[in-house]
Structures are given as structure tokens and as C-alpha cells.
Amino acid sequence: MITLSAIKTDVGGYVGHSSSHPEVLEKAQEYLERAKKDGLLVDFHVTRCGDDLQLIMTHEQGEENEQIHKLAWDTFVAGTEVAKKLKLYEGFYHEIFNEPGREQVFADMEAWLATHI
């Protein structure tokens, strides 16, 4: 019997919770492609809802399956690691240069410029 699992969470996205970075979606795609190749999934679709990463998966493992939940968890953790490297500022809105905590944004920009120029 085919089971449809749709699992989503906020792994970190653009300010204002408006969208997910393409690299986050690509990382999730990699994880689910590997699970499909290994026979755990029948099919899948990686998408987003705002900045939430959403995994839509079909499989033959049944409801509340530990392997499927672990796959989702591992995928979300990997997406979070990508988001951390991208410096997506959690809790900031649409004007990161005028938000409380903007000093960190400026420090990160200066550090990046120092290593890339």
C-alpha cells in the first residue's frame, strides 16, 4: 500500500520568512533522490511554504514510519546547515540594516569582504 507523507519545518530562510534559498531546496532534493534510489521512497517532491522546507513523499513504509521520519529529520538538519552557512538571519524582517542586532550583519559583511577582496 502506498503512503503519502507531507512533512515540513522551518530550517531558515530569507528575512521576513518569505522564501527558502535554492541551495536549501537542492540539499533536500539530494537527500530524497538518494532515498528513492535506495528504495525507501517511491517518489517525492521538494517544495517550500514561505520559508518552510516541505517534503512530499510517497512510500510503502506505512504511517508513522521511523525510517521516513528519520529521513525527514536528517534532511531538515542538512538544510539547516546550508542555511547557517548562507548567513540567513533568523528573526530579522525585511530591513536587516535597520533591525536590532544589525551590528552582527555589518560585522559579517566586513568579514566576508575581508576574505573575498
N, C-alpha and C. Protein backbone atom coordinates (compact mmCIF):
# COMPACT_ATOMS: atom_id res chain seq x y z
N MET A 1 0.83 -1.17 0.00
CA MET A 1 0.00 0.00 0.00
C MET A 1 0.89 1.25 0.00
N ILE A 2 0.53 2.24 -0.78
CA ILE A 2 1.28 3.49 -0.87
C ILE A 2 0.81 4.45 0.23
N THR A 3 1.78 5.04 0.90
CA THR A 3 1.52 6.05 1.92
C THR A 3 2.05 7.38 1.41
N LEU A 4 1.30 8.45 1.63
CA LEU A 4 1.72 9.81 1.30
C LEU A 4 2.08 10.51 2.59
N SER A 5 3.31 10.97 2.68
CA SER A 5 3.76 11.73 3.85
C SER A 5 4.16 13.13 3.40
N ALA A 6 3.59 14.12 4.06
CA ALA A 6 3.96 15.52 3.82
C ALA A 6 4.44 16.09 5.14
N ILE A 7 5.72 16.41 5.20
CA ILE A 7 6.34 16.87 6.44
C ILE A 7 7.07 18.17 6.14
N LYS A 8 6.86 19.19 6.98
CA LYS A 8 7.53 20.46 6.75
C LYS A 8 8.02 21.06 8.05
N THR A 9 9.02 21.91 7.93
CA THR A 9 9.53 22.64 9.08
C THR A 9 10.30 23.86 8.60
N ASP A 10 10.54 24.78 9.50
CA ASP A 10 11.31 25.99 9.21
C ASP A 10 12.77 25.68 9.47
N VAL A 11 13.58 25.63 8.42
CA VAL A 11 15.01 25.36 8.59
C VAL A 11 15.85 26.63 8.45
N GLY A 12 15.20 27.74 8.19
CA GLY A 12 15.91 29.00 7.99
C GLY A 12 15.76 29.44 6.55
N GLY A 13 15.33 30.66 6.38
CA GLY A 13 15.10 31.18 5.04
C GLY A 13 15.44 32.65 4.96
N TYR A 14 14.95 33.27 3.93
CA TYR A 14 15.17 34.70 3.74
C TYR A 14 14.46 35.50 4.83
N VAL A 15 14.97 36.70 5.08
CA VAL A 15 14.35 37.55 6.10
C VAL A 15 12.88 37.76 5.76
N GLY A 16 12.06 37.86 6.78
CA GLY A 16 10.64 38.02 6.58
C GLY A 16 9.91 36.71 6.35
N HIS A 17 10.61 35.60 6.45
CA HIS A 17 10.02 34.27 6.25
C HIS A 17 9.33 34.15 4.90
N SER A 18 9.90 34.79 3.89
CA SER A 18 9.24 34.87 2.59
C SER A 18 9.54 33.70 1.66
N SER A 19 10.70 33.08 1.79
CA SER A 19 11.08 32.04 0.85
C SER A 19 12.26 31.24 1.40
N SER A 20 12.57 30.14 0.73
CA SER A 20 13.74 29.33 1.06
C SER A 20 14.81 29.56 -0.01
N HIS A 21 16.04 29.53 0.41
CA HIS A 21 17.15 29.69 -0.53
C HIS A 21 17.22 28.45 -1.43
N PRO A 22 17.52 28.62 -2.71
CA PRO A 22 17.61 27.48 -3.63
C PRO A 22 18.60 26.40 -3.17
N GLU A 23 19.68 26.78 -2.49
CA GLU A 23 20.65 25.78 -2.03
C GLU A 23 20.06 24.88 -0.95
N VAL A 24 19.14 25.41 -0.15
CA VAL A 24 18.45 24.60 0.87
C VAL A 24 17.57 23.56 0.17
N LEU A 25 16.83 24.01 -0.85
CA LEU A 25 15.97 23.09 -1.60
C LEU A 25 16.80 22.04 -2.34
N GLU A 26 17.93 22.44 -2.88
CA GLU A 26 18.81 21.49 -3.59
C GLU A 26 19.34 20.41 -2.65
N LYS A 27 19.71 20.81 -1.43
CA LYS A 27 20.22 19.84 -0.46
C LYS A 27 19.13 18.82 -0.12
N ALA A 28 17.90 19.28 0.07
CA ALA A 28 16.78 18.37 0.35
C ALA A 28 16.55 17.43 -0.84
N GLN A 29 16.65 17.97 -2.03
CA GLN A 29 16.49 17.18 -3.25
C GLN A 29 17.51 16.04 -3.28
N GLU A 30 18.75 16.35 -2.93
CA GLU A 30 19.82 15.33 -2.90
C GLU A 30 19.47 14.20 -1.94
N TYR A 31 19.02 14.55 -0.74
CA TYR A 31 18.69 13.53 0.26
C TYR A 31 17.56 12.63 -0.20
N LEU A 32 16.51 13.23 -0.77
CA LEU A 32 15.36 12.42 -1.17
C LEU A 32 15.65 11.62 -2.43
N GLU A 33 16.48 12.15 -3.32
CA GLU A 33 16.89 11.37 -4.50
C GLU A 33 17.64 10.11 -4.06
N ARG A 34 18.51 10.26 -3.07
CA ARG A 34 19.27 9.12 -2.57
C ARG A 34 18.31 8.09 -1.94
N ALA A 35 17.32 8.57 -1.19
CA ALA A 35 16.35 7.66 -0.56
C ALA A 35 15.51 6.93 -1.60
N LYS A 36 15.20 7.61 -2.69
CA LYS A 36 14.44 6.96 -3.77
C LYS A 36 15.31 5.90 -4.45
N LYS A 37 16.55 6.25 -4.72
CA LYS A 37 17.47 5.32 -5.36
C LYS A 37 17.68 4.08 -4.49
N ASP A 38 17.71 4.28 -3.16
CA ASP A 38 17.91 3.18 -2.22
C ASP A 38 16.64 2.37 -1.97
N GLY A 39 15.51 2.80 -2.56
CA GLY A 39 14.27 2.06 -2.44
C GLY A 39 13.38 2.43 -1.26
N LEU A 40 13.79 3.42 -0.46
CA LEU A 40 12.96 3.83 0.67
C LEU A 40 11.72 4.58 0.21
N LEU A 41 11.88 5.43 -0.81
CA LEU A 41 10.76 6.21 -1.34
C LEU A 41 10.34 5.69 -2.71
N VAL A 42 9.06 5.82 -3.01
CA VAL A 42 8.56 5.55 -4.35
C VAL A 42 8.78 6.79 -5.20
N ASP A 43 8.41 7.94 -4.66
CA ASP A 43 8.59 9.22 -5.36
C ASP A 43 8.56 10.33 -4.32
N PHE A 44 8.87 11.55 -4.77
CA PHE A 44 8.90 12.68 -3.83
C PHE A 44 8.83 14.00 -4.58
N HIS A 45 8.56 15.04 -3.82
CA HIS A 45 8.62 16.41 -4.34
C HIS A 45 9.12 17.29 -3.20
N VAL A 46 10.14 18.09 -3.48
CA VAL A 46 10.66 19.05 -2.51
C VAL A 46 10.10 20.41 -2.89
N THR A 47 9.50 21.10 -1.93
CA THR A 47 8.95 22.42 -2.19
C THR A 47 9.09 23.26 -0.92
N ARG A 48 8.46 24.38 -0.91
CA ARG A 48 8.50 25.27 0.25
C ARG A 48 7.12 25.88 0.47
N CYS A 49 6.90 26.29 1.67
CA CYS A 49 5.71 27.06 2.03
C CYS A 49 6.24 28.24 2.83
N GLY A 50 6.34 29.42 2.19
CA GLY A 50 7.08 30.53 2.80
C GLY A 50 8.53 30.10 2.87
N ASP A 51 9.11 30.15 4.09
CA ASP A 51 10.49 29.67 4.22
C ASP A 51 10.55 28.29 4.85
N ASP A 52 9.40 27.64 4.98
CA ASP A 52 9.39 26.26 5.48
C ASP A 52 9.77 25.31 4.35
N LEU A 53 10.64 24.38 4.66
CA LEU A 53 11.01 23.33 3.72
C LEU A 53 9.96 22.23 3.83
N GLN A 54 9.37 21.86 2.71
CA GLN A 54 8.31 20.86 2.72
C GLN A 54 8.71 19.66 1.87
N LEU A 55 8.58 18.47 2.46
CA LEU A 55 8.91 17.22 1.79
C LEU A 55 7.62 16.44 1.58
N ILE A 56 7.28 16.19 0.33
CA ILE A 56 6.11 15.38 -0.01
C ILE A 56 6.65 14.07 -0.56
N MET A 57 6.33 12.98 0.13
CA MET A 57 6.95 11.70 -0.19
C MET A 57 5.89 10.60 -0.29
N THR A 58 6.06 9.73 -1.29
CA THR A 58 5.26 8.51 -1.34
C THR A 58 6.19 7.35 -1.07
N HIS A 59 5.66 6.37 -0.32
CA HIS A 59 6.48 5.23 0.07
C HIS A 59 5.56 4.06 0.45
N GLU A 60 6.17 2.94 0.70
CA GLU A 60 5.43 1.73 1.09
C GLU A 60 5.75 1.32 2.52
N GLN A 61 6.13 2.28 3.35
CA GLN A 61 6.56 2.00 4.72
C GLN A 61 5.43 2.13 5.74
N GLY A 62 4.27 2.65 5.34
CA GLY A 62 3.16 2.82 6.26
C GLY A 62 3.24 4.12 7.04
N GLU A 63 2.18 4.37 7.81
CA GLU A 63 2.10 5.60 8.60
C GLU A 63 3.06 5.56 9.78
N GLU A 64 3.49 6.74 10.21
CA GLU A 64 4.34 6.87 11.40
C GLU A 64 5.59 6.01 11.35
N ASN A 65 6.16 5.86 10.15
CA ASN A 65 7.33 5.01 9.98
C ASN A 65 8.59 5.71 10.45
N GLU A 66 9.36 5.04 11.27
CA GLU A 66 10.57 5.61 11.85
C GLU A 66 11.62 5.96 10.78
N GLN A 67 11.75 5.12 9.75
CA GLN A 67 12.73 5.40 8.68
C GLN A 67 12.36 6.68 7.92
N ILE A 68 11.08 6.86 7.65
CA ILE A 68 10.63 8.05 6.92
C ILE A 68 10.84 9.30 7.77
N HIS A 69 10.50 9.20 9.06
CA HIS A 69 10.69 10.35 9.94
C HIS A 69 12.17 10.68 10.11
N LYS A 70 13.01 9.65 10.17
CA LYS A 70 14.46 9.90 10.26
C LYS A 70 14.97 10.55 8.98
N LEU A 71 14.48 10.09 7.84
CA LEU A 71 14.86 10.71 6.56
C LEU A 71 14.49 12.19 6.57
N ALA A 72 13.27 12.49 6.99
CA ALA A 72 12.83 13.90 7.04
C ALA A 72 13.71 14.68 8.01
N TRP A 73 13.95 14.14 9.20
CA TRP A 73 14.78 14.83 10.20
C TRP A 73 16.18 15.09 9.65
N ASP A 74 16.81 14.07 9.09
CA ASP A 74 18.16 14.23 8.54
C ASP A 74 18.18 15.26 7.41
N THR A 75 17.14 15.27 6.60
CA THR A 75 17.04 16.24 5.50
C THR A 75 16.91 17.65 6.06
N PHE A 76 16.08 17.82 7.09
CA PHE A 76 15.91 19.14 7.70
C PHE A 76 17.21 19.62 8.36
N VAL A 77 17.92 18.73 9.02
CA VAL A 77 19.19 19.09 9.64
C VAL A 77 20.19 19.54 8.57
N ALA A 78 20.25 18.81 7.47
CA ALA A 78 21.16 19.18 6.37
C ALA A 78 20.77 20.54 5.79
N GLY A 79 19.48 20.79 5.64
CA GLY A 79 19.02 22.09 5.15
C GLY A 79 19.37 23.21 6.10
N THR A 80 19.29 22.94 7.40
CA THR A 80 19.65 23.93 8.41
C THR A 80 21.13 24.27 8.31
N GLU A 81 21.96 23.26 8.10
CA GLU A 81 23.40 23.51 7.96
C GLU A 81 23.70 24.39 6.75
N VAL A 82 22.98 24.18 5.66
CA VAL A 82 23.14 25.04 4.47
C VAL A 82 22.73 26.46 4.83
N ALA A 83 21.58 26.61 5.48
CA ALA A 83 21.09 27.94 5.84
C ALA A 83 22.07 28.67 6.75
N LYS A 84 22.69 27.95 7.69
CA LYS A 84 23.66 28.58 8.59
C LYS A 84 24.85 29.13 7.82
N LYS A 85 25.32 28.37 6.84
CA LYS A 85 26.46 28.83 6.04
C LYS A 85 26.11 30.04 5.18
N LEU A 86 24.83 30.17 4.83
CA LEU A 86 24.40 31.28 3.99
C LEU A 86 24.16 32.55 4.78
N LYS A 87 24.27 32.46 6.10
CA LYS A 87 24.02 33.61 6.98
C LYS A 87 22.61 34.15 6.79
N LEU A 88 21.62 33.30 6.94
CA LEU A 88 20.22 33.70 6.92
C LEU A 88 19.86 34.09 8.34
N TYR A 89 19.53 35.35 8.57
CA TYR A 89 19.37 35.88 9.91
C TYR A 89 17.98 35.60 10.46
N GLU A 90 17.89 34.64 11.36
CA GLU A 90 16.64 34.24 11.99
C GLU A 90 16.09 35.40 12.82
N GLY A 91 14.80 35.66 12.67
CA GLY A 91 14.13 36.69 13.45
C GLY A 91 14.21 38.09 12.86
N PHE A 92 15.00 38.25 11.79
CA PHE A 92 15.07 39.56 11.14
C PHE A 92 13.92 39.67 10.14
N TYR A 93 13.55 40.86 9.82
CA TYR A 93 12.45 41.07 8.89
C TYR A 93 12.99 41.53 7.55
N HIS A 94 12.48 42.61 7.00
CA HIS A 94 12.86 42.98 5.64
C HIS A 94 13.91 44.07 5.56
N GLU A 95 14.33 44.65 6.67
CA GLU A 95 15.36 45.69 6.65
C GLU A 95 16.50 45.30 7.59
N ILE A 96 17.33 44.37 7.15
CA ILE A 96 18.34 43.83 8.06
C ILE A 96 19.37 44.87 8.51
N PHE A 97 19.48 45.99 7.77
CA PHE A 97 20.42 47.04 8.18
C PHE A 97 19.83 47.97 9.22
N ASN A 98 18.54 47.83 9.50
CA ASN A 98 17.86 48.68 10.49
C ASN A 98 17.22 47.86 11.60
N GLU A 99 17.54 46.60 11.71
CA GLU A 99 16.97 45.72 12.73
C GLU A 99 17.83 45.77 13.99
N PRO A 100 17.19 45.50 15.15
CA PRO A 100 18.03 45.27 16.33
C PRO A 100 18.95 44.09 16.02
N GLY A 101 20.21 44.23 16.34
CA GLY A 101 21.17 43.18 16.01
C GLY A 101 21.88 43.41 14.69
N ARG A 102 21.62 44.55 14.07
CA ARG A 102 22.23 44.86 12.76
C ARG A 102 23.75 44.90 12.83
N GLU A 103 24.30 45.12 14.03
CA GLU A 103 25.75 45.16 14.18
C GLU A 103 26.37 43.84 13.71
N GLN A 104 25.66 42.73 13.98
CA GLN A 104 26.17 41.42 13.54
C GLN A 104 26.16 41.33 12.02
N VAL A 105 25.14 41.90 11.39
CA VAL A 105 25.06 41.89 9.93
C VAL A 105 26.25 42.65 9.35
N PHE A 106 26.53 43.83 9.90
CA PHE A 106 27.66 44.62 9.42
C PHE A 106 28.99 43.90 9.67
N ALA A 107 29.13 43.28 10.83
CA ALA A 107 30.38 42.55 11.13
C ALA A 107 30.55 41.38 10.16
N ASP A 108 29.47 40.67 9.86
CA ASP A 108 29.54 39.55 8.92
C ASP A 108 29.90 40.04 7.52
N MET A 109 29.35 41.18 7.13
CA MET A 109 29.67 41.74 5.81
C MET A 109 31.15 42.13 5.74
N GLU A 110 31.65 42.77 6.77
CA GLU A 110 33.06 43.18 6.80
C GLU A 110 33.98 41.95 6.75
N ALA A 111 33.63 40.91 7.50
CA ALA A 111 34.44 39.69 7.50
C ALA A 111 34.44 39.04 6.13
N TRP A 112 33.28 39.00 5.50
CA TRP A 112 33.19 38.39 4.16
C TRP A 112 34.02 39.19 3.16
N LEU A 113 33.89 40.52 3.20
CA LEU A 113 34.65 41.37 2.27
C LEU A 113 36.16 41.20 2.48
N ALA A 114 36.57 41.09 3.73
CA ALA A 114 38.00 40.94 4.03
C ALA A 114 38.57 39.66 3.44
N THR A 115 37.76 38.62 3.33
CA THR A 115 38.26 37.35 2.79
C THR A 115 38.05 37.20 1.28
N HIS A 116 37.27 38.09 0.69
CA HIS A 116 36.97 37.95 -0.73
C HIS A 116 37.48 39.09 -1.61
N ILE A 117 38.04 40.10 -1.01
CA ILE A 117 38.55 41.23 -1.81
C ILE A 117 40.05 41.36 -1.61
